[in-house]
Amino acid sequence: MRLCEAGRGNRPIAMLMCVMAILYRAARNTPILVAANRDEAVDRPSQAPRIQSGNPRSVCGIDRKAGGTWLGVNQHGLLAAVTNRPKRPEPADPRSRGLLCRELLNVRSAEEAVKYAADELATGAYAGANYLCADADYAAVVYGGDQVEVIELTPGLHVLTDDGLDDLRDERQEYVRRMLTLHKLDSAVTFLAVASRAFSRRPDAYGRRGTILIGKDHGTVSSTLLSLADKIQNSVLQYAAGPPCDVPYDDLSALLRQVLSTDKHRNRNRENQANANAGNGKQKSRKTPADKVSK
């Protein structure tokens, strides 16, 4: 496994699938901001993001064919997302990349998730993939192609497609970066507003200057806008169940906030129980008038 910094080295352009922008620890009070278009077979069945039971709880969409996910957040504020990646040769019977992404949501921190992903990819059981793991303290992309590499994210804007992170030769990455940097991305409101337009842009007649992929069999099948803020009530999740140039974003922020509040509610319940137990202990030790008389 190699450990690198984002932006080092360019990789050859492969078939463009999935594009994601990550603004990491650069906006006020919002460590993680993400816009992501999922490009997939148009007939592959999937389920819109919803709360998944278990410990920890998470909110994510589900690939109904394999049971995995392409992007999700757990109650600890850990974001996990996956894109494809070129790899030769691929295993004859690869394990679902989405299942691994869903498993990453079972850990507490991004550092743990990165290690878990790197160890799994090193087994050779998966087709090529990139895994984004991020929380408020640490973020990295794990490349699982011809070799396993960990690319740590520095504060600022990063763009990811199938071939890798911050590739200046990738036309779709270049377009996304140019559209987003036309504005000062110092707040979640600005990022989400600009990203919603950039990630809804159809390509021109030459198939360029756009983020939406349009095809008979493959294309943009959904889009996600995500904000993980310091304050839970300011976190945002919006999801378009189709190409966002045609399908509006639905606001699923209530689901995200409910999941992120899990630890807070559990800690509050533990504190209330501790206070109740302490109160019961005081009542048991308090002497009654009858006790005093009997002495």
C-alpha atoms as a PDB file:
ATOM      1  CA  MET A   1       0.000   0.000   0.000  1.00  0.00           C
ATOM      2  CA  ARG A   2       1.315   3.437  -0.961  1.00  0.00           C
ATOM      3  CA  LEU A   3       0.533   6.620   0.962  1.00  0.00           C
ATOM      4  CA  CYS A   4       0.481   9.826  -1.117  1.00  0.00           C
ATOM      5  CA  GLU A   5      -0.879  13.346  -1.047  1.00  0.00           C
ATOM      6  CA  ALA A   6      -3.718  14.455  -3.295  1.00  0.00           C
ATOM      7  CA  GLY A   7      -2.651  15.985  -6.559  1.00  0.00           C
ATOM      8  CA  ARG A   8       0.581  14.043  -7.018  1.00  0.00           C
ATOM      9  CA  GLY A   9       0.800  12.354 -10.354  1.00  0.00           C
ATOM     10  CA  ASN A  10      -1.684  12.147 -13.232  1.00  0.00           C
ATOM     11  CA  ARG A  11      -3.281   8.943 -14.374  1.00  0.00           C
ATOM     12  CA  PRO A  12      -4.472   7.964 -17.859  1.00  0.00           C
ATOM     13  CA  ILE A  13      -8.044   8.829 -18.759  1.00  0.00           C
ATOM     14  CA  ALA A  14     -10.417   5.859 -18.719  1.00  0.00           C
ATOM     15  CA  MET A  15     -14.083   5.613 -19.564  1.00  0.00           C
ATOM     16  CA  LEU A  16     -15.691   8.432 -17.586  1.00  0.00           C
ATOM     17  CA  MET A  17     -18.117   7.235 -14.922  1.00  0.00           C
ATOM     18  CA  CYS A  18     -19.178   9.022 -11.724  1.00  0.00           C
ATOM     19  CA  VAL A  19     -17.927  12.453 -10.737  1.00  0.00           C
ATOM     20  CA  MET A  20     -17.613  13.834  -7.223  1.00  0.00           C
ATOM     21  CA  ALA A  21     -16.507  17.158  -5.757  1.00  0.00           C
ATOM     22  CA  ILE A  22     -15.308  17.326  -2.149  1.00  0.00           C
ATOM     23  CA  LEU A  23     -14.740  20.599  -0.321  1.00  0.00           C
ATOM     24  CA  TYR A  24     -12.833  19.509   2.762  1.00  0.00           C
ATOM     25  CA  ARG A  25     -12.301  21.703   5.827  1.00  0.00           C
ATOM     26  CA  ALA A  26     -12.460  24.919   3.816  1.00  0.00           C
ATOM     27  CA  ALA A  27     -15.982  26.265   4.439  1.00  0.00           C
ATOM     28  CA  ARG A  28     -17.111  27.972   7.641  1.00  0.00           C
ATOM     29  CA  ASN A  29     -18.441  25.539  10.254  1.00  0.00           C
ATOM     30  CA  THR A  30     -18.768  22.745   7.669  1.00  0.00           C
ATOM     31  CA  PRO A  31     -15.833  20.322   7.445  1.00  0.00           C
ATOM     32  CA  ILE A  32     -17.332  18.188   4.655  1.00  0.00           C
ATOM     33  CA  LEU A  33     -19.219  19.264   1.547  1.00  0.00           C
ATOM     34  CA  VAL A  34     -19.853  16.844  -1.315  1.00  0.00           C
ATOM     35  CA  ALA A  35     -21.604  16.845  -4.676  1.00  0.00           C
ATOM     36  CA  ALA A  36     -21.726  13.509  -6.499  1.00  0.00           C
ATOM     37  CA  ASN A  37     -23.300  12.170  -9.682  1.00  0.00           C
ATOM     38  CA  ARG A  38     -23.743   8.420  -9.861  1.00  0.00           C
ATOM     39  CA  ASP A  39     -23.299   7.014 -13.357  1.00  0.00           C
ATOM     40  CA  GLU A  40     -24.497   3.453 -13.800  1.00  0.00           C
ATOM     41  CA  ALA A  41     -26.462   1.073 -16.002  1.00  0.00           C
ATOM     42  CA  VAL A  42     -29.818   2.789 -16.387  1.00  0.00           C
ATOM     43  CA  ASP A  43     -31.756  -0.416 -15.681  1.00  0.00           C
ATOM     44  CA  ARG A  44     -29.880  -1.294 -12.466  1.00  0.00           C
ATOM     45  CA  PRO A  45     -32.439  -1.179  -9.633  1.00  0.00           C
ATOM     46  CA  SER A  46     -31.664   1.047  -6.671  1.00  0.00           C
ATOM     47  CA  GLN A  47     -33.352   2.503  -3.608  1.00  0.00           C
ATOM     48  CA  ALA A  48     -33.172   6.153  -2.587  1.00  0.00           C
ATOM     49  CA  PRO A  49     -31.324   6.983   0.653  1.00  0.00           C
ATOM     50  CA  ARG A  50     -33.066   5.962   3.829  1.00  0.00           C
ATOM     51  CA  ILE A  51     -32.089   5.156   7.405  1.00  0.00           C
ATOM     52  CA  GLN A  52     -30.498   1.728   7.756  1.00  0.00           C
ATOM     53  CA  SER A  53     -30.892  -0.125  11.031  1.00  0.00           C
ATOM     54  CA  GLY A  54     -27.948  -1.531  12.922  1.00  0.00           C
ATOM     55  CA  ASN A  55     -25.157  -0.223  15.098  1.00  0.00           C
ATOM     56  CA  PRO A  56     -23.997   2.261  14.038  1.00  0.00           C
ATOM     57  CA  ARG A  57     -27.002   3.618  12.201  1.00  0.00           C
ATOM     58  CA  SER A  58     -26.481   5.061   8.752  1.00  0.00           C
ATOM     59  CA  VAL A  59     -28.323   6.768   5.925  1.00  0.00           C
ATOM     60  CA  CYS A  60     -27.535   5.576   2.417  1.00  0.00           C
ATOM     61  CA  GLY A  61     -29.022   4.466  -0.864  1.00  0.00           C
ATOM     62  CA  ILE A  62     -29.098   0.760  -1.661  1.00  0.00           C
ATOM     63  CA  ASP A  63     -28.138  -1.035  -4.848  1.00  0.00           C
ATOM     64  CA  ARG A  64     -30.950  -3.561  -4.962  1.00  0.00           C
ATOM     65  CA  LYS A  65     -29.015  -5.894  -7.252  1.00  0.00           C
ATOM     66  CA  ALA A  66     -26.036  -6.518  -4.955  1.00  0.00           C
ATOM     67  CA  GLY A  67     -27.198  -4.985  -1.653  1.00  0.00           C
ATOM     68  CA  GLY A  68     -24.409  -2.435  -1.340  1.00  0.00           C
ATOM     69  CA  THR A  69     -24.336   1.346  -1.501  1.00  0.00           C
ATOM     70  CA  TRP A  70     -22.496   4.035  -3.447  1.00  0.00           C
ATOM     71  CA  LEU A  71     -22.568   6.765  -0.769  1.00  0.00           C
ATOM     72  CA  GLY A  72     -23.609   6.960   2.867  1.00  0.00           C
ATOM     73  CA  VAL A  73     -23.080   8.605   6.255  1.00  0.00           C
ATOM     74  CA  ASN A  74     -23.167   6.938   9.661  1.00  0.00           C
ATOM     75  CA  GLN A  75     -24.092   8.276  13.097  1.00  0.00           C
ATOM     76  CA  HIS A  76     -20.453   9.144  13.867  1.00  0.00           C
ATOM     77  CA  GLY A  77     -20.298  11.584  10.941  1.00  0.00           C
ATOM     78  CA  LEU A  78     -18.276   9.217   8.745  1.00  0.00           C
ATOM     79  CA  LEU A  79     -18.853   9.554   4.997  1.00  0.00           C
ATOM     80  CA  ALA A  80     -18.075   6.618   2.714  1.00  0.00           C
ATOM     81  CA  ALA A  81     -18.470   6.681  -1.073  1.00  0.00           C
ATOM     82  CA  VAL A  82     -17.233   4.569  -3.986  1.00  0.00           C
ATOM     83  CA  THR A  83     -16.564   5.009  -7.690  1.00  0.00           C
ATOM     84  CA  ASN A  84     -15.260   2.510 -10.210  1.00  0.00           C
ATOM     85  CA  ARG A  85     -11.611   2.452 -11.234  1.00  0.00           C
ATOM     86  CA  PRO A  86      -9.665   0.822 -14.091  1.00  0.00           C
ATOM     87  CA  LYS A  87      -7.972  -2.436 -13.100  1.00  0.00           C
ATOM     88  CA  ARG A  88      -6.318  -5.183 -15.106  1.00  0.00           C
ATOM     89  CA  PRO A  89      -6.839  -8.012 -14.731  1.00  0.00           C
ATOM     90  CA  GLU A  90     -10.100  -8.091 -12.789  1.00  0.00           C
ATOM     91  CA  PRO A  91     -11.003 -11.111 -10.642  1.00  0.00           C
ATOM     92  CA  ALA A  92     -13.181 -13.730 -12.330  1.00  0.00           C
ATOM     93  CA  ASP A  93     -15.905 -13.467  -9.664  1.00  0.00           C
ATOM     94  CA  PRO A  94     -15.395 -10.103  -7.913  1.00  0.00           C
ATOM     95  CA  ARG A  95     -17.095  -9.220  -4.655  1.00  0.00           C
ATOM     96  CA  SER A  96     -19.490  -6.271  -4.808  1.00  0.00           C
ATOM     97  CA  ARG A  97     -17.698  -2.939  -4.385  1.00  0.00           C
ATOM     98  CA  GLY A  98     -20.898  -1.471  -2.965  1.00  0.00           C
ATOM     99  CA  LEU A  99     -20.990  -4.083  -0.208  1.00  0.00           C
ATOM    100  CA  LEU A 100     -17.547  -2.974   0.908  1.00  0.00           C
ATOM    101  CA  CYS A 101     -18.723   0.645   0.879  1.00  0.00           C
ATOM    102  CA  ARG A 102     -21.645  -0.312   3.090  1.00  0.00           C
ATOM    103  CA  GLU A 103     -19.309  -2.174   5.464  1.00  0.00           C
ATOM    104  CA  LEU A 104     -17.173   0.946   5.827  1.00  0.00           C
ATOM    105  CA  LEU A 105     -20.175   2.613   7.476  1.00  0.00           C
ATOM    106  CA  ASN A 106     -19.843   0.132  10.356  1.00  0.00           C
ATOM    107  CA  VAL A 107     -16.671   1.753  11.737  1.00  0.00           C
ATOM    108  CA  ARG A 108     -16.293   4.870  13.877  1.00  0.00           C
ATOM    109  CA  SER A 109     -13.719   6.974  12.045  1.00  0.00           C
ATOM    110  CA  ALA A 110     -12.344   7.761   8.591  1.00  0.00           C
ATOM    111  CA  GLU A 111      -8.893   6.483   9.571  1.00  0.00           C
ATOM    112  CA  GLU A 112     -10.393   3.122  10.526  1.00  0.00           C
ATOM    113  CA  ALA A 113     -12.408   3.046   7.306  1.00  0.00           C
ATOM    114  CA  VAL A 114      -9.344   3.778   5.176  1.00  0.00           C
ATOM    115  CA  LYS A 115      -7.408   0.927   6.781  1.00  0.00           C
ATOM    116  CA  TYR A 116     -10.356  -1.431   6.396  1.00  0.00           C
ATOM    117  CA  ALA A 117     -10.794  -0.519   2.718  1.00  0.00           C
ATOM    118  CA  ALA A 118      -7.074  -0.814   1.947  1.00  0.00           C
ATOM    119  CA  ASP A 119      -6.834  -4.221   3.629  1.00  0.00           C
ATOM    120  CA  GLU A 120      -9.894  -5.498   1.754  1.00  0.00           C
ATOM    121  CA  LEU A 121      -8.692  -4.213  -1.606  1.00  0.00           C
ATOM    122  CA  ALA A 122      -5.303  -5.799  -1.053  1.00  0.00           C
ATOM    123  CA  THR A 123      -6.973  -9.227  -1.110  1.00  0.00           C
ATOM    124  CA  GLY A 124      -7.613  -8.814  -4.840  1.00  0.00           C
ATOM    125  CA  ALA A 125     -11.244  -9.836  -4.453  1.00  0.00           C
ATOM    126  CA  TYR A 126     -12.673  -6.657  -6.000  1.00  0.00           C
ATOM    127  CA  ALA A 127     -12.871  -5.049  -9.411  1.00  0.00           C
ATOM    128  CA  GLY A 128     -11.228  -1.620  -9.608  1.00  0.00           C
ATOM    129  CA  ALA A 129     -12.608   0.981  -7.194  1.00  0.00           C
ATOM    130  CA  ASN A 130     -11.923   4.306  -5.455  1.00  0.00           C
ATOM    131  CA  TYR A 131     -13.195   4.720  -1.892  1.00  0.00           C
ATOM    132  CA  LEU A 132     -13.657   8.117  -0.271  1.00  0.00           C
ATOM    133  CA  CYS A 133     -13.602   7.992   3.539  1.00  0.00           C
ATOM    134  CA  ALA A 134     -14.008  11.279   5.398  1.00  0.00           C
ATOM    135  CA  ASP A 135     -14.933  12.707   8.763  1.00  0.00           C
ATOM    136  CA  ALA A 136     -14.237  16.038  10.443  1.00  0.00           C
ATOM    137  CA  ASP A 137     -10.708  14.979  11.441  1.00  0.00           C
ATOM    138  CA  TYR A 138      -9.365  12.990   8.495  1.00  0.00           C
ATOM    139  CA  ALA A 139     -10.138  12.245   4.857  1.00  0.00           C
ATOM    140  CA  ALA A 140      -8.576  10.113   2.156  1.00  0.00           C
ATOM    141  CA  VAL A 141      -9.310   8.282  -1.071  1.00  0.00           C
ATOM    142  CA  VAL A 142      -8.230   4.658  -1.333  1.00  0.00           C
ATOM    143  CA  TYR A 143      -7.309   3.608  -4.858  1.00  0.00           C
ATOM    144  CA  GLY A 144      -7.978  -0.049  -5.523  1.00  0.00           C
ATOM    145  CA  GLY A 145      -6.662  -0.446  -9.050  1.00  0.00           C
ATOM    146  CA  ASP A 146      -3.530  -2.200 -10.224  1.00  0.00           C
ATOM    147  CA  GLN A 147      -2.115  -1.368  -6.804  1.00  0.00           C
ATOM    148  CA  VAL A 148      -3.570  -0.066  -3.555  1.00  0.00           C
ATOM    149  CA  GLU A 149      -2.786   3.574  -2.741  1.00  0.00           C
ATOM    150  CA  VAL A 150      -4.054   5.939  -0.051  1.00  0.00           C
ATOM    151  CA  ILE A 151      -4.369   9.577  -1.119  1.00  0.00           C
ATOM    152  CA  GLU A 152      -4.856  11.867   1.881  1.00  0.00           C
ATOM    153  CA  LEU A 153      -6.999  14.944   1.330  1.00  0.00           C
ATOM    154  CA  THR A 154      -5.608  18.336   2.233  1.00  0.00           C
ATOM    155  CA  PRO A 155      -8.016  21.186   3.089  1.00  0.00           C
ATOM    156  CA  GLY A 156      -9.621  22.598  -0.036  1.00  0.00           C
ATOM    157  CA  LEU A 157     -11.467  21.489  -3.155  1.00  0.00           C
ATOM    158  CA  HIS A 158     -10.894  18.045  -4.656  1.00  0.00           C
ATOM    159  CA  VAL A 159     -12.553  16.369  -7.631  1.00  0.00           C
ATOM    160  CA  LEU A 160     -12.781  12.603  -8.079  1.00  0.00           C
ATOM    161  CA  THR A 161     -13.690  10.521 -11.125  1.00  0.00           C
ATOM    162  CA  ASP A 162     -13.105   6.860 -11.888  1.00  0.00           C
ATOM    163  CA  ASP A 163      -9.509   7.397 -12.883  1.00  0.00           C
ATOM    164  CA  GLY A 164      -8.480   9.243  -9.726  1.00  0.00           C
ATOM    165  CA  LEU A 165      -8.347  12.430  -7.707  1.00  0.00           C
ATOM    166  CA  ASP A 166      -7.489  15.889  -9.039  1.00  0.00           C
ATOM    167  CA  ASP A 167      -6.452  14.755 -12.524  1.00  0.00           C
ATOM    168  CA  LEU A 168      -5.846  17.905 -14.587  1.00  0.00           C
ATOM    169  CA  ARG A 169      -6.207  15.956 -17.832  1.00  0.00           C
ATOM    170  CA  ASP A 170      -9.733  14.805 -17.038  1.00  0.00           C
ATOM    171  CA  GLU A 171     -12.106  17.133 -18.922  1.00  0.00           C
ATOM    172  CA  ARG A 172     -15.052  16.554 -16.610  1.00  0.00           C
ATOM    173  CA  GLN A 173     -12.929  17.207 -13.539  1.00  0.00           C
ATOM    174  CA  GLU A 174     -11.595  20.371 -15.159  1.00  0.00           C
ATOM    175  CA  TYR A 175     -15.124  21.561 -15.923  1.00  0.00           C
ATOM    176  CA  VAL A 176     -16.355  20.915 -12.366  1.00  0.00           C
ATOM    177  CA  ARG A 177     -13.357  22.670 -10.838  1.00  0.00           C
ATOM    178  CA  ARG A 178     -13.756  25.667 -13.138  1.00  0.00           C
ATOM    179  CA  MET A 179     -17.493  25.985 -12.404  1.00  0.00           C
ATOM    180  CA  LEU A 180     -17.032  25.726  -8.646  1.00  0.00           C
ATOM    181  CA  THR A 181     -14.069  28.076  -8.395  1.00  0.00           C
ATOM    182  CA  LEU A 182     -15.913  30.870 -10.175  1.00  0.00           C
ATOM    183  CA  HIS A 183     -17.263  31.576  -6.685  1.00  0.00           C
ATOM    184  CA  LYS A 184     -15.679  31.912  -3.282  1.00  0.00           C
ATOM    185  CA  LEU A 185     -16.530  28.614  -1.616  1.00  0.00           C
ATOM    186  CA  ASP A 186     -16.436  29.808   1.969  1.00  0.00           C
ATOM    187  CA  SER A 187     -19.872  28.612   3.055  1.00  0.00           C
ATOM    188  CA  ALA A 188     -22.065  25.543   2.712  1.00  0.00           C
ATOM    189  CA  VAL A 189     -24.847  27.621   1.154  1.00  0.00           C
ATOM    190  CA  THR A 190     -22.591  28.835  -1.637  1.00  0.00           C
ATOM    191  CA  PHE A 191     -21.106  25.409  -2.340  1.00  0.00           C
ATOM    192  CA  LEU A 192     -24.474  23.651  -2.489  1.00  0.00           C
ATOM    193  CA  ALA A 193     -26.007  26.331  -4.705  1.00  0.00           C
ATOM    194  CA  VAL A 194     -23.128  26.320  -7.188  1.00  0.00           C
ATOM    195  CA  ALA A 195     -22.736  22.541  -7.134  1.00  0.00           C
ATOM    196  CA  SER A 196     -26.431  21.952  -7.796  1.00  0.00           C
ATOM    197  CA  ARG A 197     -26.075  23.909 -11.039  1.00  0.00           C
ATOM    198  CA  ALA A 198     -22.721  22.436 -12.063  1.00  0.00           C
ATOM    199  CA  PHE A 199     -23.794  18.856 -11.451  1.00  0.00           C
ATOM    200  CA  SER A 200     -27.027  19.373 -13.404  1.00  0.00           C
ATOM    201  CA  ARG A 201     -25.256  20.581 -16.534  1.00  0.00           C
ATOM    202  CA  ARG A 202     -25.812  18.614 -19.748  1.00  0.00           C
ATOM    203  CA  PRO A 203     -22.818  18.306 -22.081  1.00  0.00           C
ATOM    204  CA  ASP A 204     -22.679  20.391 -25.243  1.00  0.00           C
ATOM    205  CA  ALA A 205     -23.114  19.024 -28.770  1.00  0.00           C
ATOM    206  CA  TYR A 206     -19.564  17.658 -28.643  1.00  0.00           C
ATOM    207  CA  GLY A 207     -20.133  15.838 -25.347  1.00  0.00           C
ATOM    208  CA  ARG A 208     -18.031  18.296 -23.366  1.00  0.00           C
ATOM    209  CA  ARG A 209     -18.480  20.993 -20.708  1.00  0.00           C
ATOM    210  CA  GLY A 210     -21.012  19.080 -18.676  1.00  0.00           C
ATOM    211  CA  THR A 211     -21.344  16.607 -15.806  1.00  0.00           C
ATOM    212  CA  ILE A 212     -24.396  14.629 -16.904  1.00  0.00           C
ATOM    213  CA  LEU A 213     -23.756  11.463 -18.881  1.00  0.00           C
ATOM    214  CA  ILE A 214     -26.502  10.527 -21.332  1.00  0.00           C
ATOM    215  CA  GLY A 215     -26.589   7.087 -22.917  1.00  0.00           C
ATOM    216  CA  LYS A 216     -28.952   4.358 -23.973  1.00  0.00           C
ATOM    217  CA  ASP A 217     -27.589   1.765 -21.546  1.00  0.00           C
ATOM    218  CA  HIS A 218     -25.396   3.784 -19.156  1.00  0.00           C
ATOM    219  CA  GLY A 219     -25.705   7.305 -17.812  1.00  0.00           C
ATOM    220  CA  THR A 220     -26.292   9.522 -14.798  1.00  0.00           C
ATOM    221  CA  VAL A 221     -28.906   7.756 -12.672  1.00  0.00           C
ATOM    222  CA  SER A 222     -28.846   9.905  -9.506  1.00  0.00           C
ATOM    223  CA  SER A 223     -27.153  12.838  -7.795  1.00  0.00           C
ATOM    224  CA  THR A 224     -26.368  13.707  -4.175  1.00  0.00           C
ATOM    225  CA  LEU A 225     -25.593  16.988  -2.410  1.00  0.00           C
ATOM    226  CA  LEU A 226     -24.253  16.633   1.120  1.00  0.00           C
ATOM    227  CA  SER A 227     -23.207  18.989   3.897  1.00  0.00           C
ATOM    228  CA  LEU A 228     -21.818  17.680   7.192  1.00  0.00           C
ATOM    229  CA  ALA A 229     -21.735  20.704   9.467  1.00  0.00           C
ATOM    230  CA  ASP A 230     -20.380  21.267  12.966  1.00  0.00           C
ATOM    231  CA  LYS A 231     -23.968  21.655  14.166  1.00  0.00           C
ATOM    232  CA  ILE A 232     -26.214  18.713  13.307  1.00  0.00           C
ATOM    233  CA  GLN A 233     -29.187  20.945  12.571  1.00  0.00           C
ATOM    234  CA  ASN A 234     -27.217  22.603   9.758  1.00  0.00           C
ATOM    235  CA  SER A 235     -26.335  19.360   7.963  1.00  0.00           C
ATOM    236  CA  VAL A 236     -27.974  18.836   4.577  1.00  0.00           C
ATOM    237  CA  LEU A 237     -28.759  15.850   2.360  1.00  0.00           C
ATOM    238  CA  GLN A 238     -30.406  16.337  -1.033  1.00  0.00           C
ATOM    239  CA  TYR A 239     -30.972  13.555  -3.550  1.00  0.00           C
ATOM    240  CA  ALA A 240     -32.156  13.462  -7.163  1.00  0.00           C
ATOM    241  CA  ALA A 241     -33.456  10.020  -8.178  1.00  0.00           C
ATOM    242  CA  GLY A 242     -32.382  10.525 -11.769  1.00  0.00           C
ATOM    243  CA  PRO A 243     -30.239  12.933 -13.792  1.00  0.00           C
ATOM    244  CA  PRO A 244     -30.590  16.253 -11.929  1.00  0.00           C
ATOM    245  CA  CYS A 245     -31.047  18.106 -15.221  1.00  0.00           C
ATOM    246  CA  ASP A 246     -34.458  16.388 -15.414  1.00  0.00           C
ATOM    247  CA  VAL A 247     -35.250  15.317 -11.844  1.00  0.00           C
ATOM    248  CA  PRO A 248     -35.319  17.809  -8.932  1.00  0.00           C
ATOM    249  CA  TYR A 249     -33.413  17.243  -5.723  1.00  0.00           C
ATOM    250  CA  ASP A 250     -35.498  15.991  -2.795  1.00  0.00           C
ATOM    251  CA  ASP A 251     -34.568  17.275   0.656  1.00  0.00           C
ATOM    252  CA  LEU A 252     -33.692  14.294   2.872  1.00  0.00           C
ATOM    253  CA  SER A 253     -31.936  16.369   5.528  1.00  0.00           C
ATOM    254  CA  ALA A 254     -34.295  15.164   8.268  1.00  0.00           C
ATOM    255  CA  LEU A 255     -33.040  11.590   7.758  1.00  0.00           C
ATOM    256  CA  LEU A 256     -29.404  12.679   7.921  1.00  0.00           C
ATOM    257  CA  ARG A 257     -29.943  14.742  11.063  1.00  0.00           C
ATOM    258  CA  GLN A 258     -31.805  11.895  12.737  1.00  0.00           C
ATOM    259  CA  VAL A 259     -28.875   9.550  12.137  1.00  0.00           C
ATOM    260  CA  LEU A 260     -26.279  12.104  13.259  1.00  0.00           C
ATOM    261  CA  SER A 261     -28.287  12.718  16.444  1.00  0.00           C
ATOM    262  CA  THR A 262     -28.119   9.051  17.483  1.00  0.00           C
ATOM    263  CA  ASP A 263     -25.015   9.415  19.671  1.00  0.00           C
ATOM    264  CA  LYS A 264     -26.337  12.646  21.156  1.00  0.00           C
ATOM    265  CA  HIS A 265     -29.627  11.013  22.139  1.00  0.00           C
ATOM    266  CA  ARG A 266     -27.884   7.938  23.540  1.00  0.00           C
ATOM    267  CA  ASN A 267     -25.527  10.059  25.637  1.00  0.00           C
ATOM    268  CA  ARG A 268     -28.474  12.092  26.903  1.00  0.00           C
ATOM    269  CA  ASN A 269     -30.366   8.913  27.835  1.00  0.00           C
ATOM    270  CA  ARG A 270     -27.305   7.554  29.651  1.00  0.00           C
ATOM    271  CA  GLU A 271     -26.935  10.847  31.533  1.00  0.00           C
ATOM    272  CA  ASN A 272     -30.611  10.857  32.493  1.00  0.00           C
ATOM    273  CA  GLN A 273     -30.368   7.245  33.668  1.00  0.00           C
ATOM    274  CA  ALA A 274     -27.258   8.021  35.691  1.00  0.00           C
ATOM    275  CA  ASN A 275     -28.990  10.982  37.314  1.00  0.00           C
ATOM    276  CA  ALA A 276     -32.036   8.852  38.056  1.00  0.00           C
ATOM    277  CA  ASN A 277     -29.893   6.134  39.639  1.00  0.00           C
ATOM    278  CA  ALA A 278     -28.059   8.718  41.718  1.00  0.00           C
ATOM    279  CA  GLY A 279     -31.368  10.178  42.852  1.00  0.00           C
ATOM    280  CA  ASN A 280     -32.679   6.761  43.849  1.00  0.00           C
ATOM    281  CA  GLY A 281     -29.531   6.146  45.849  1.00  0.00           C
ATOM    282  CA  LYS A 282     -29.994   9.377  47.808  1.00  0.00           C
ATOM    283  CA  GLN A 283     -33.622   8.532  48.572  1.00  0.00           C
ATOM    284  CA  LYS A 284     -32.667   5.099  49.898  1.00  0.00           C
ATOM    285  CA  SER A 285     -30.009   6.563  52.225  1.00  0.00           C
ATOM    286  CA  ARG A 286     -32.248   9.346  53.565  1.00  0.00           C
ATOM    287  CA  LYS A 287     -33.604   8.643  57.106  1.00  0.00           C
ATOM    288  CA  THR A 288     -37.324   8.986  57.722  1.00  0.00           C
ATOM    289  CA  PRO A 289     -38.936  10.379  60.949  1.00  0.00           C
ATOM    290  CA  ALA A 290     -39.978   6.845  61.846  1.00  0.00           C
ATOM    291  CA  ASP A 291     -36.371   5.727  61.702  1.00  0.00           C
ATOM    292  CA  LYS A 292     -35.363   8.466  64.104  1.00  0.00           C
ATOM    293  CA  VAL A 293     -38.160   7.586  66.569  1.00  0.00           C
ATOM    294  CA  SER A 294     -37.328   3.915  66.555  1.00  0.00           C
ATOM    295  CA  LYS A 295     -33.864   4.728  67.747  1.00  0.00           C
END
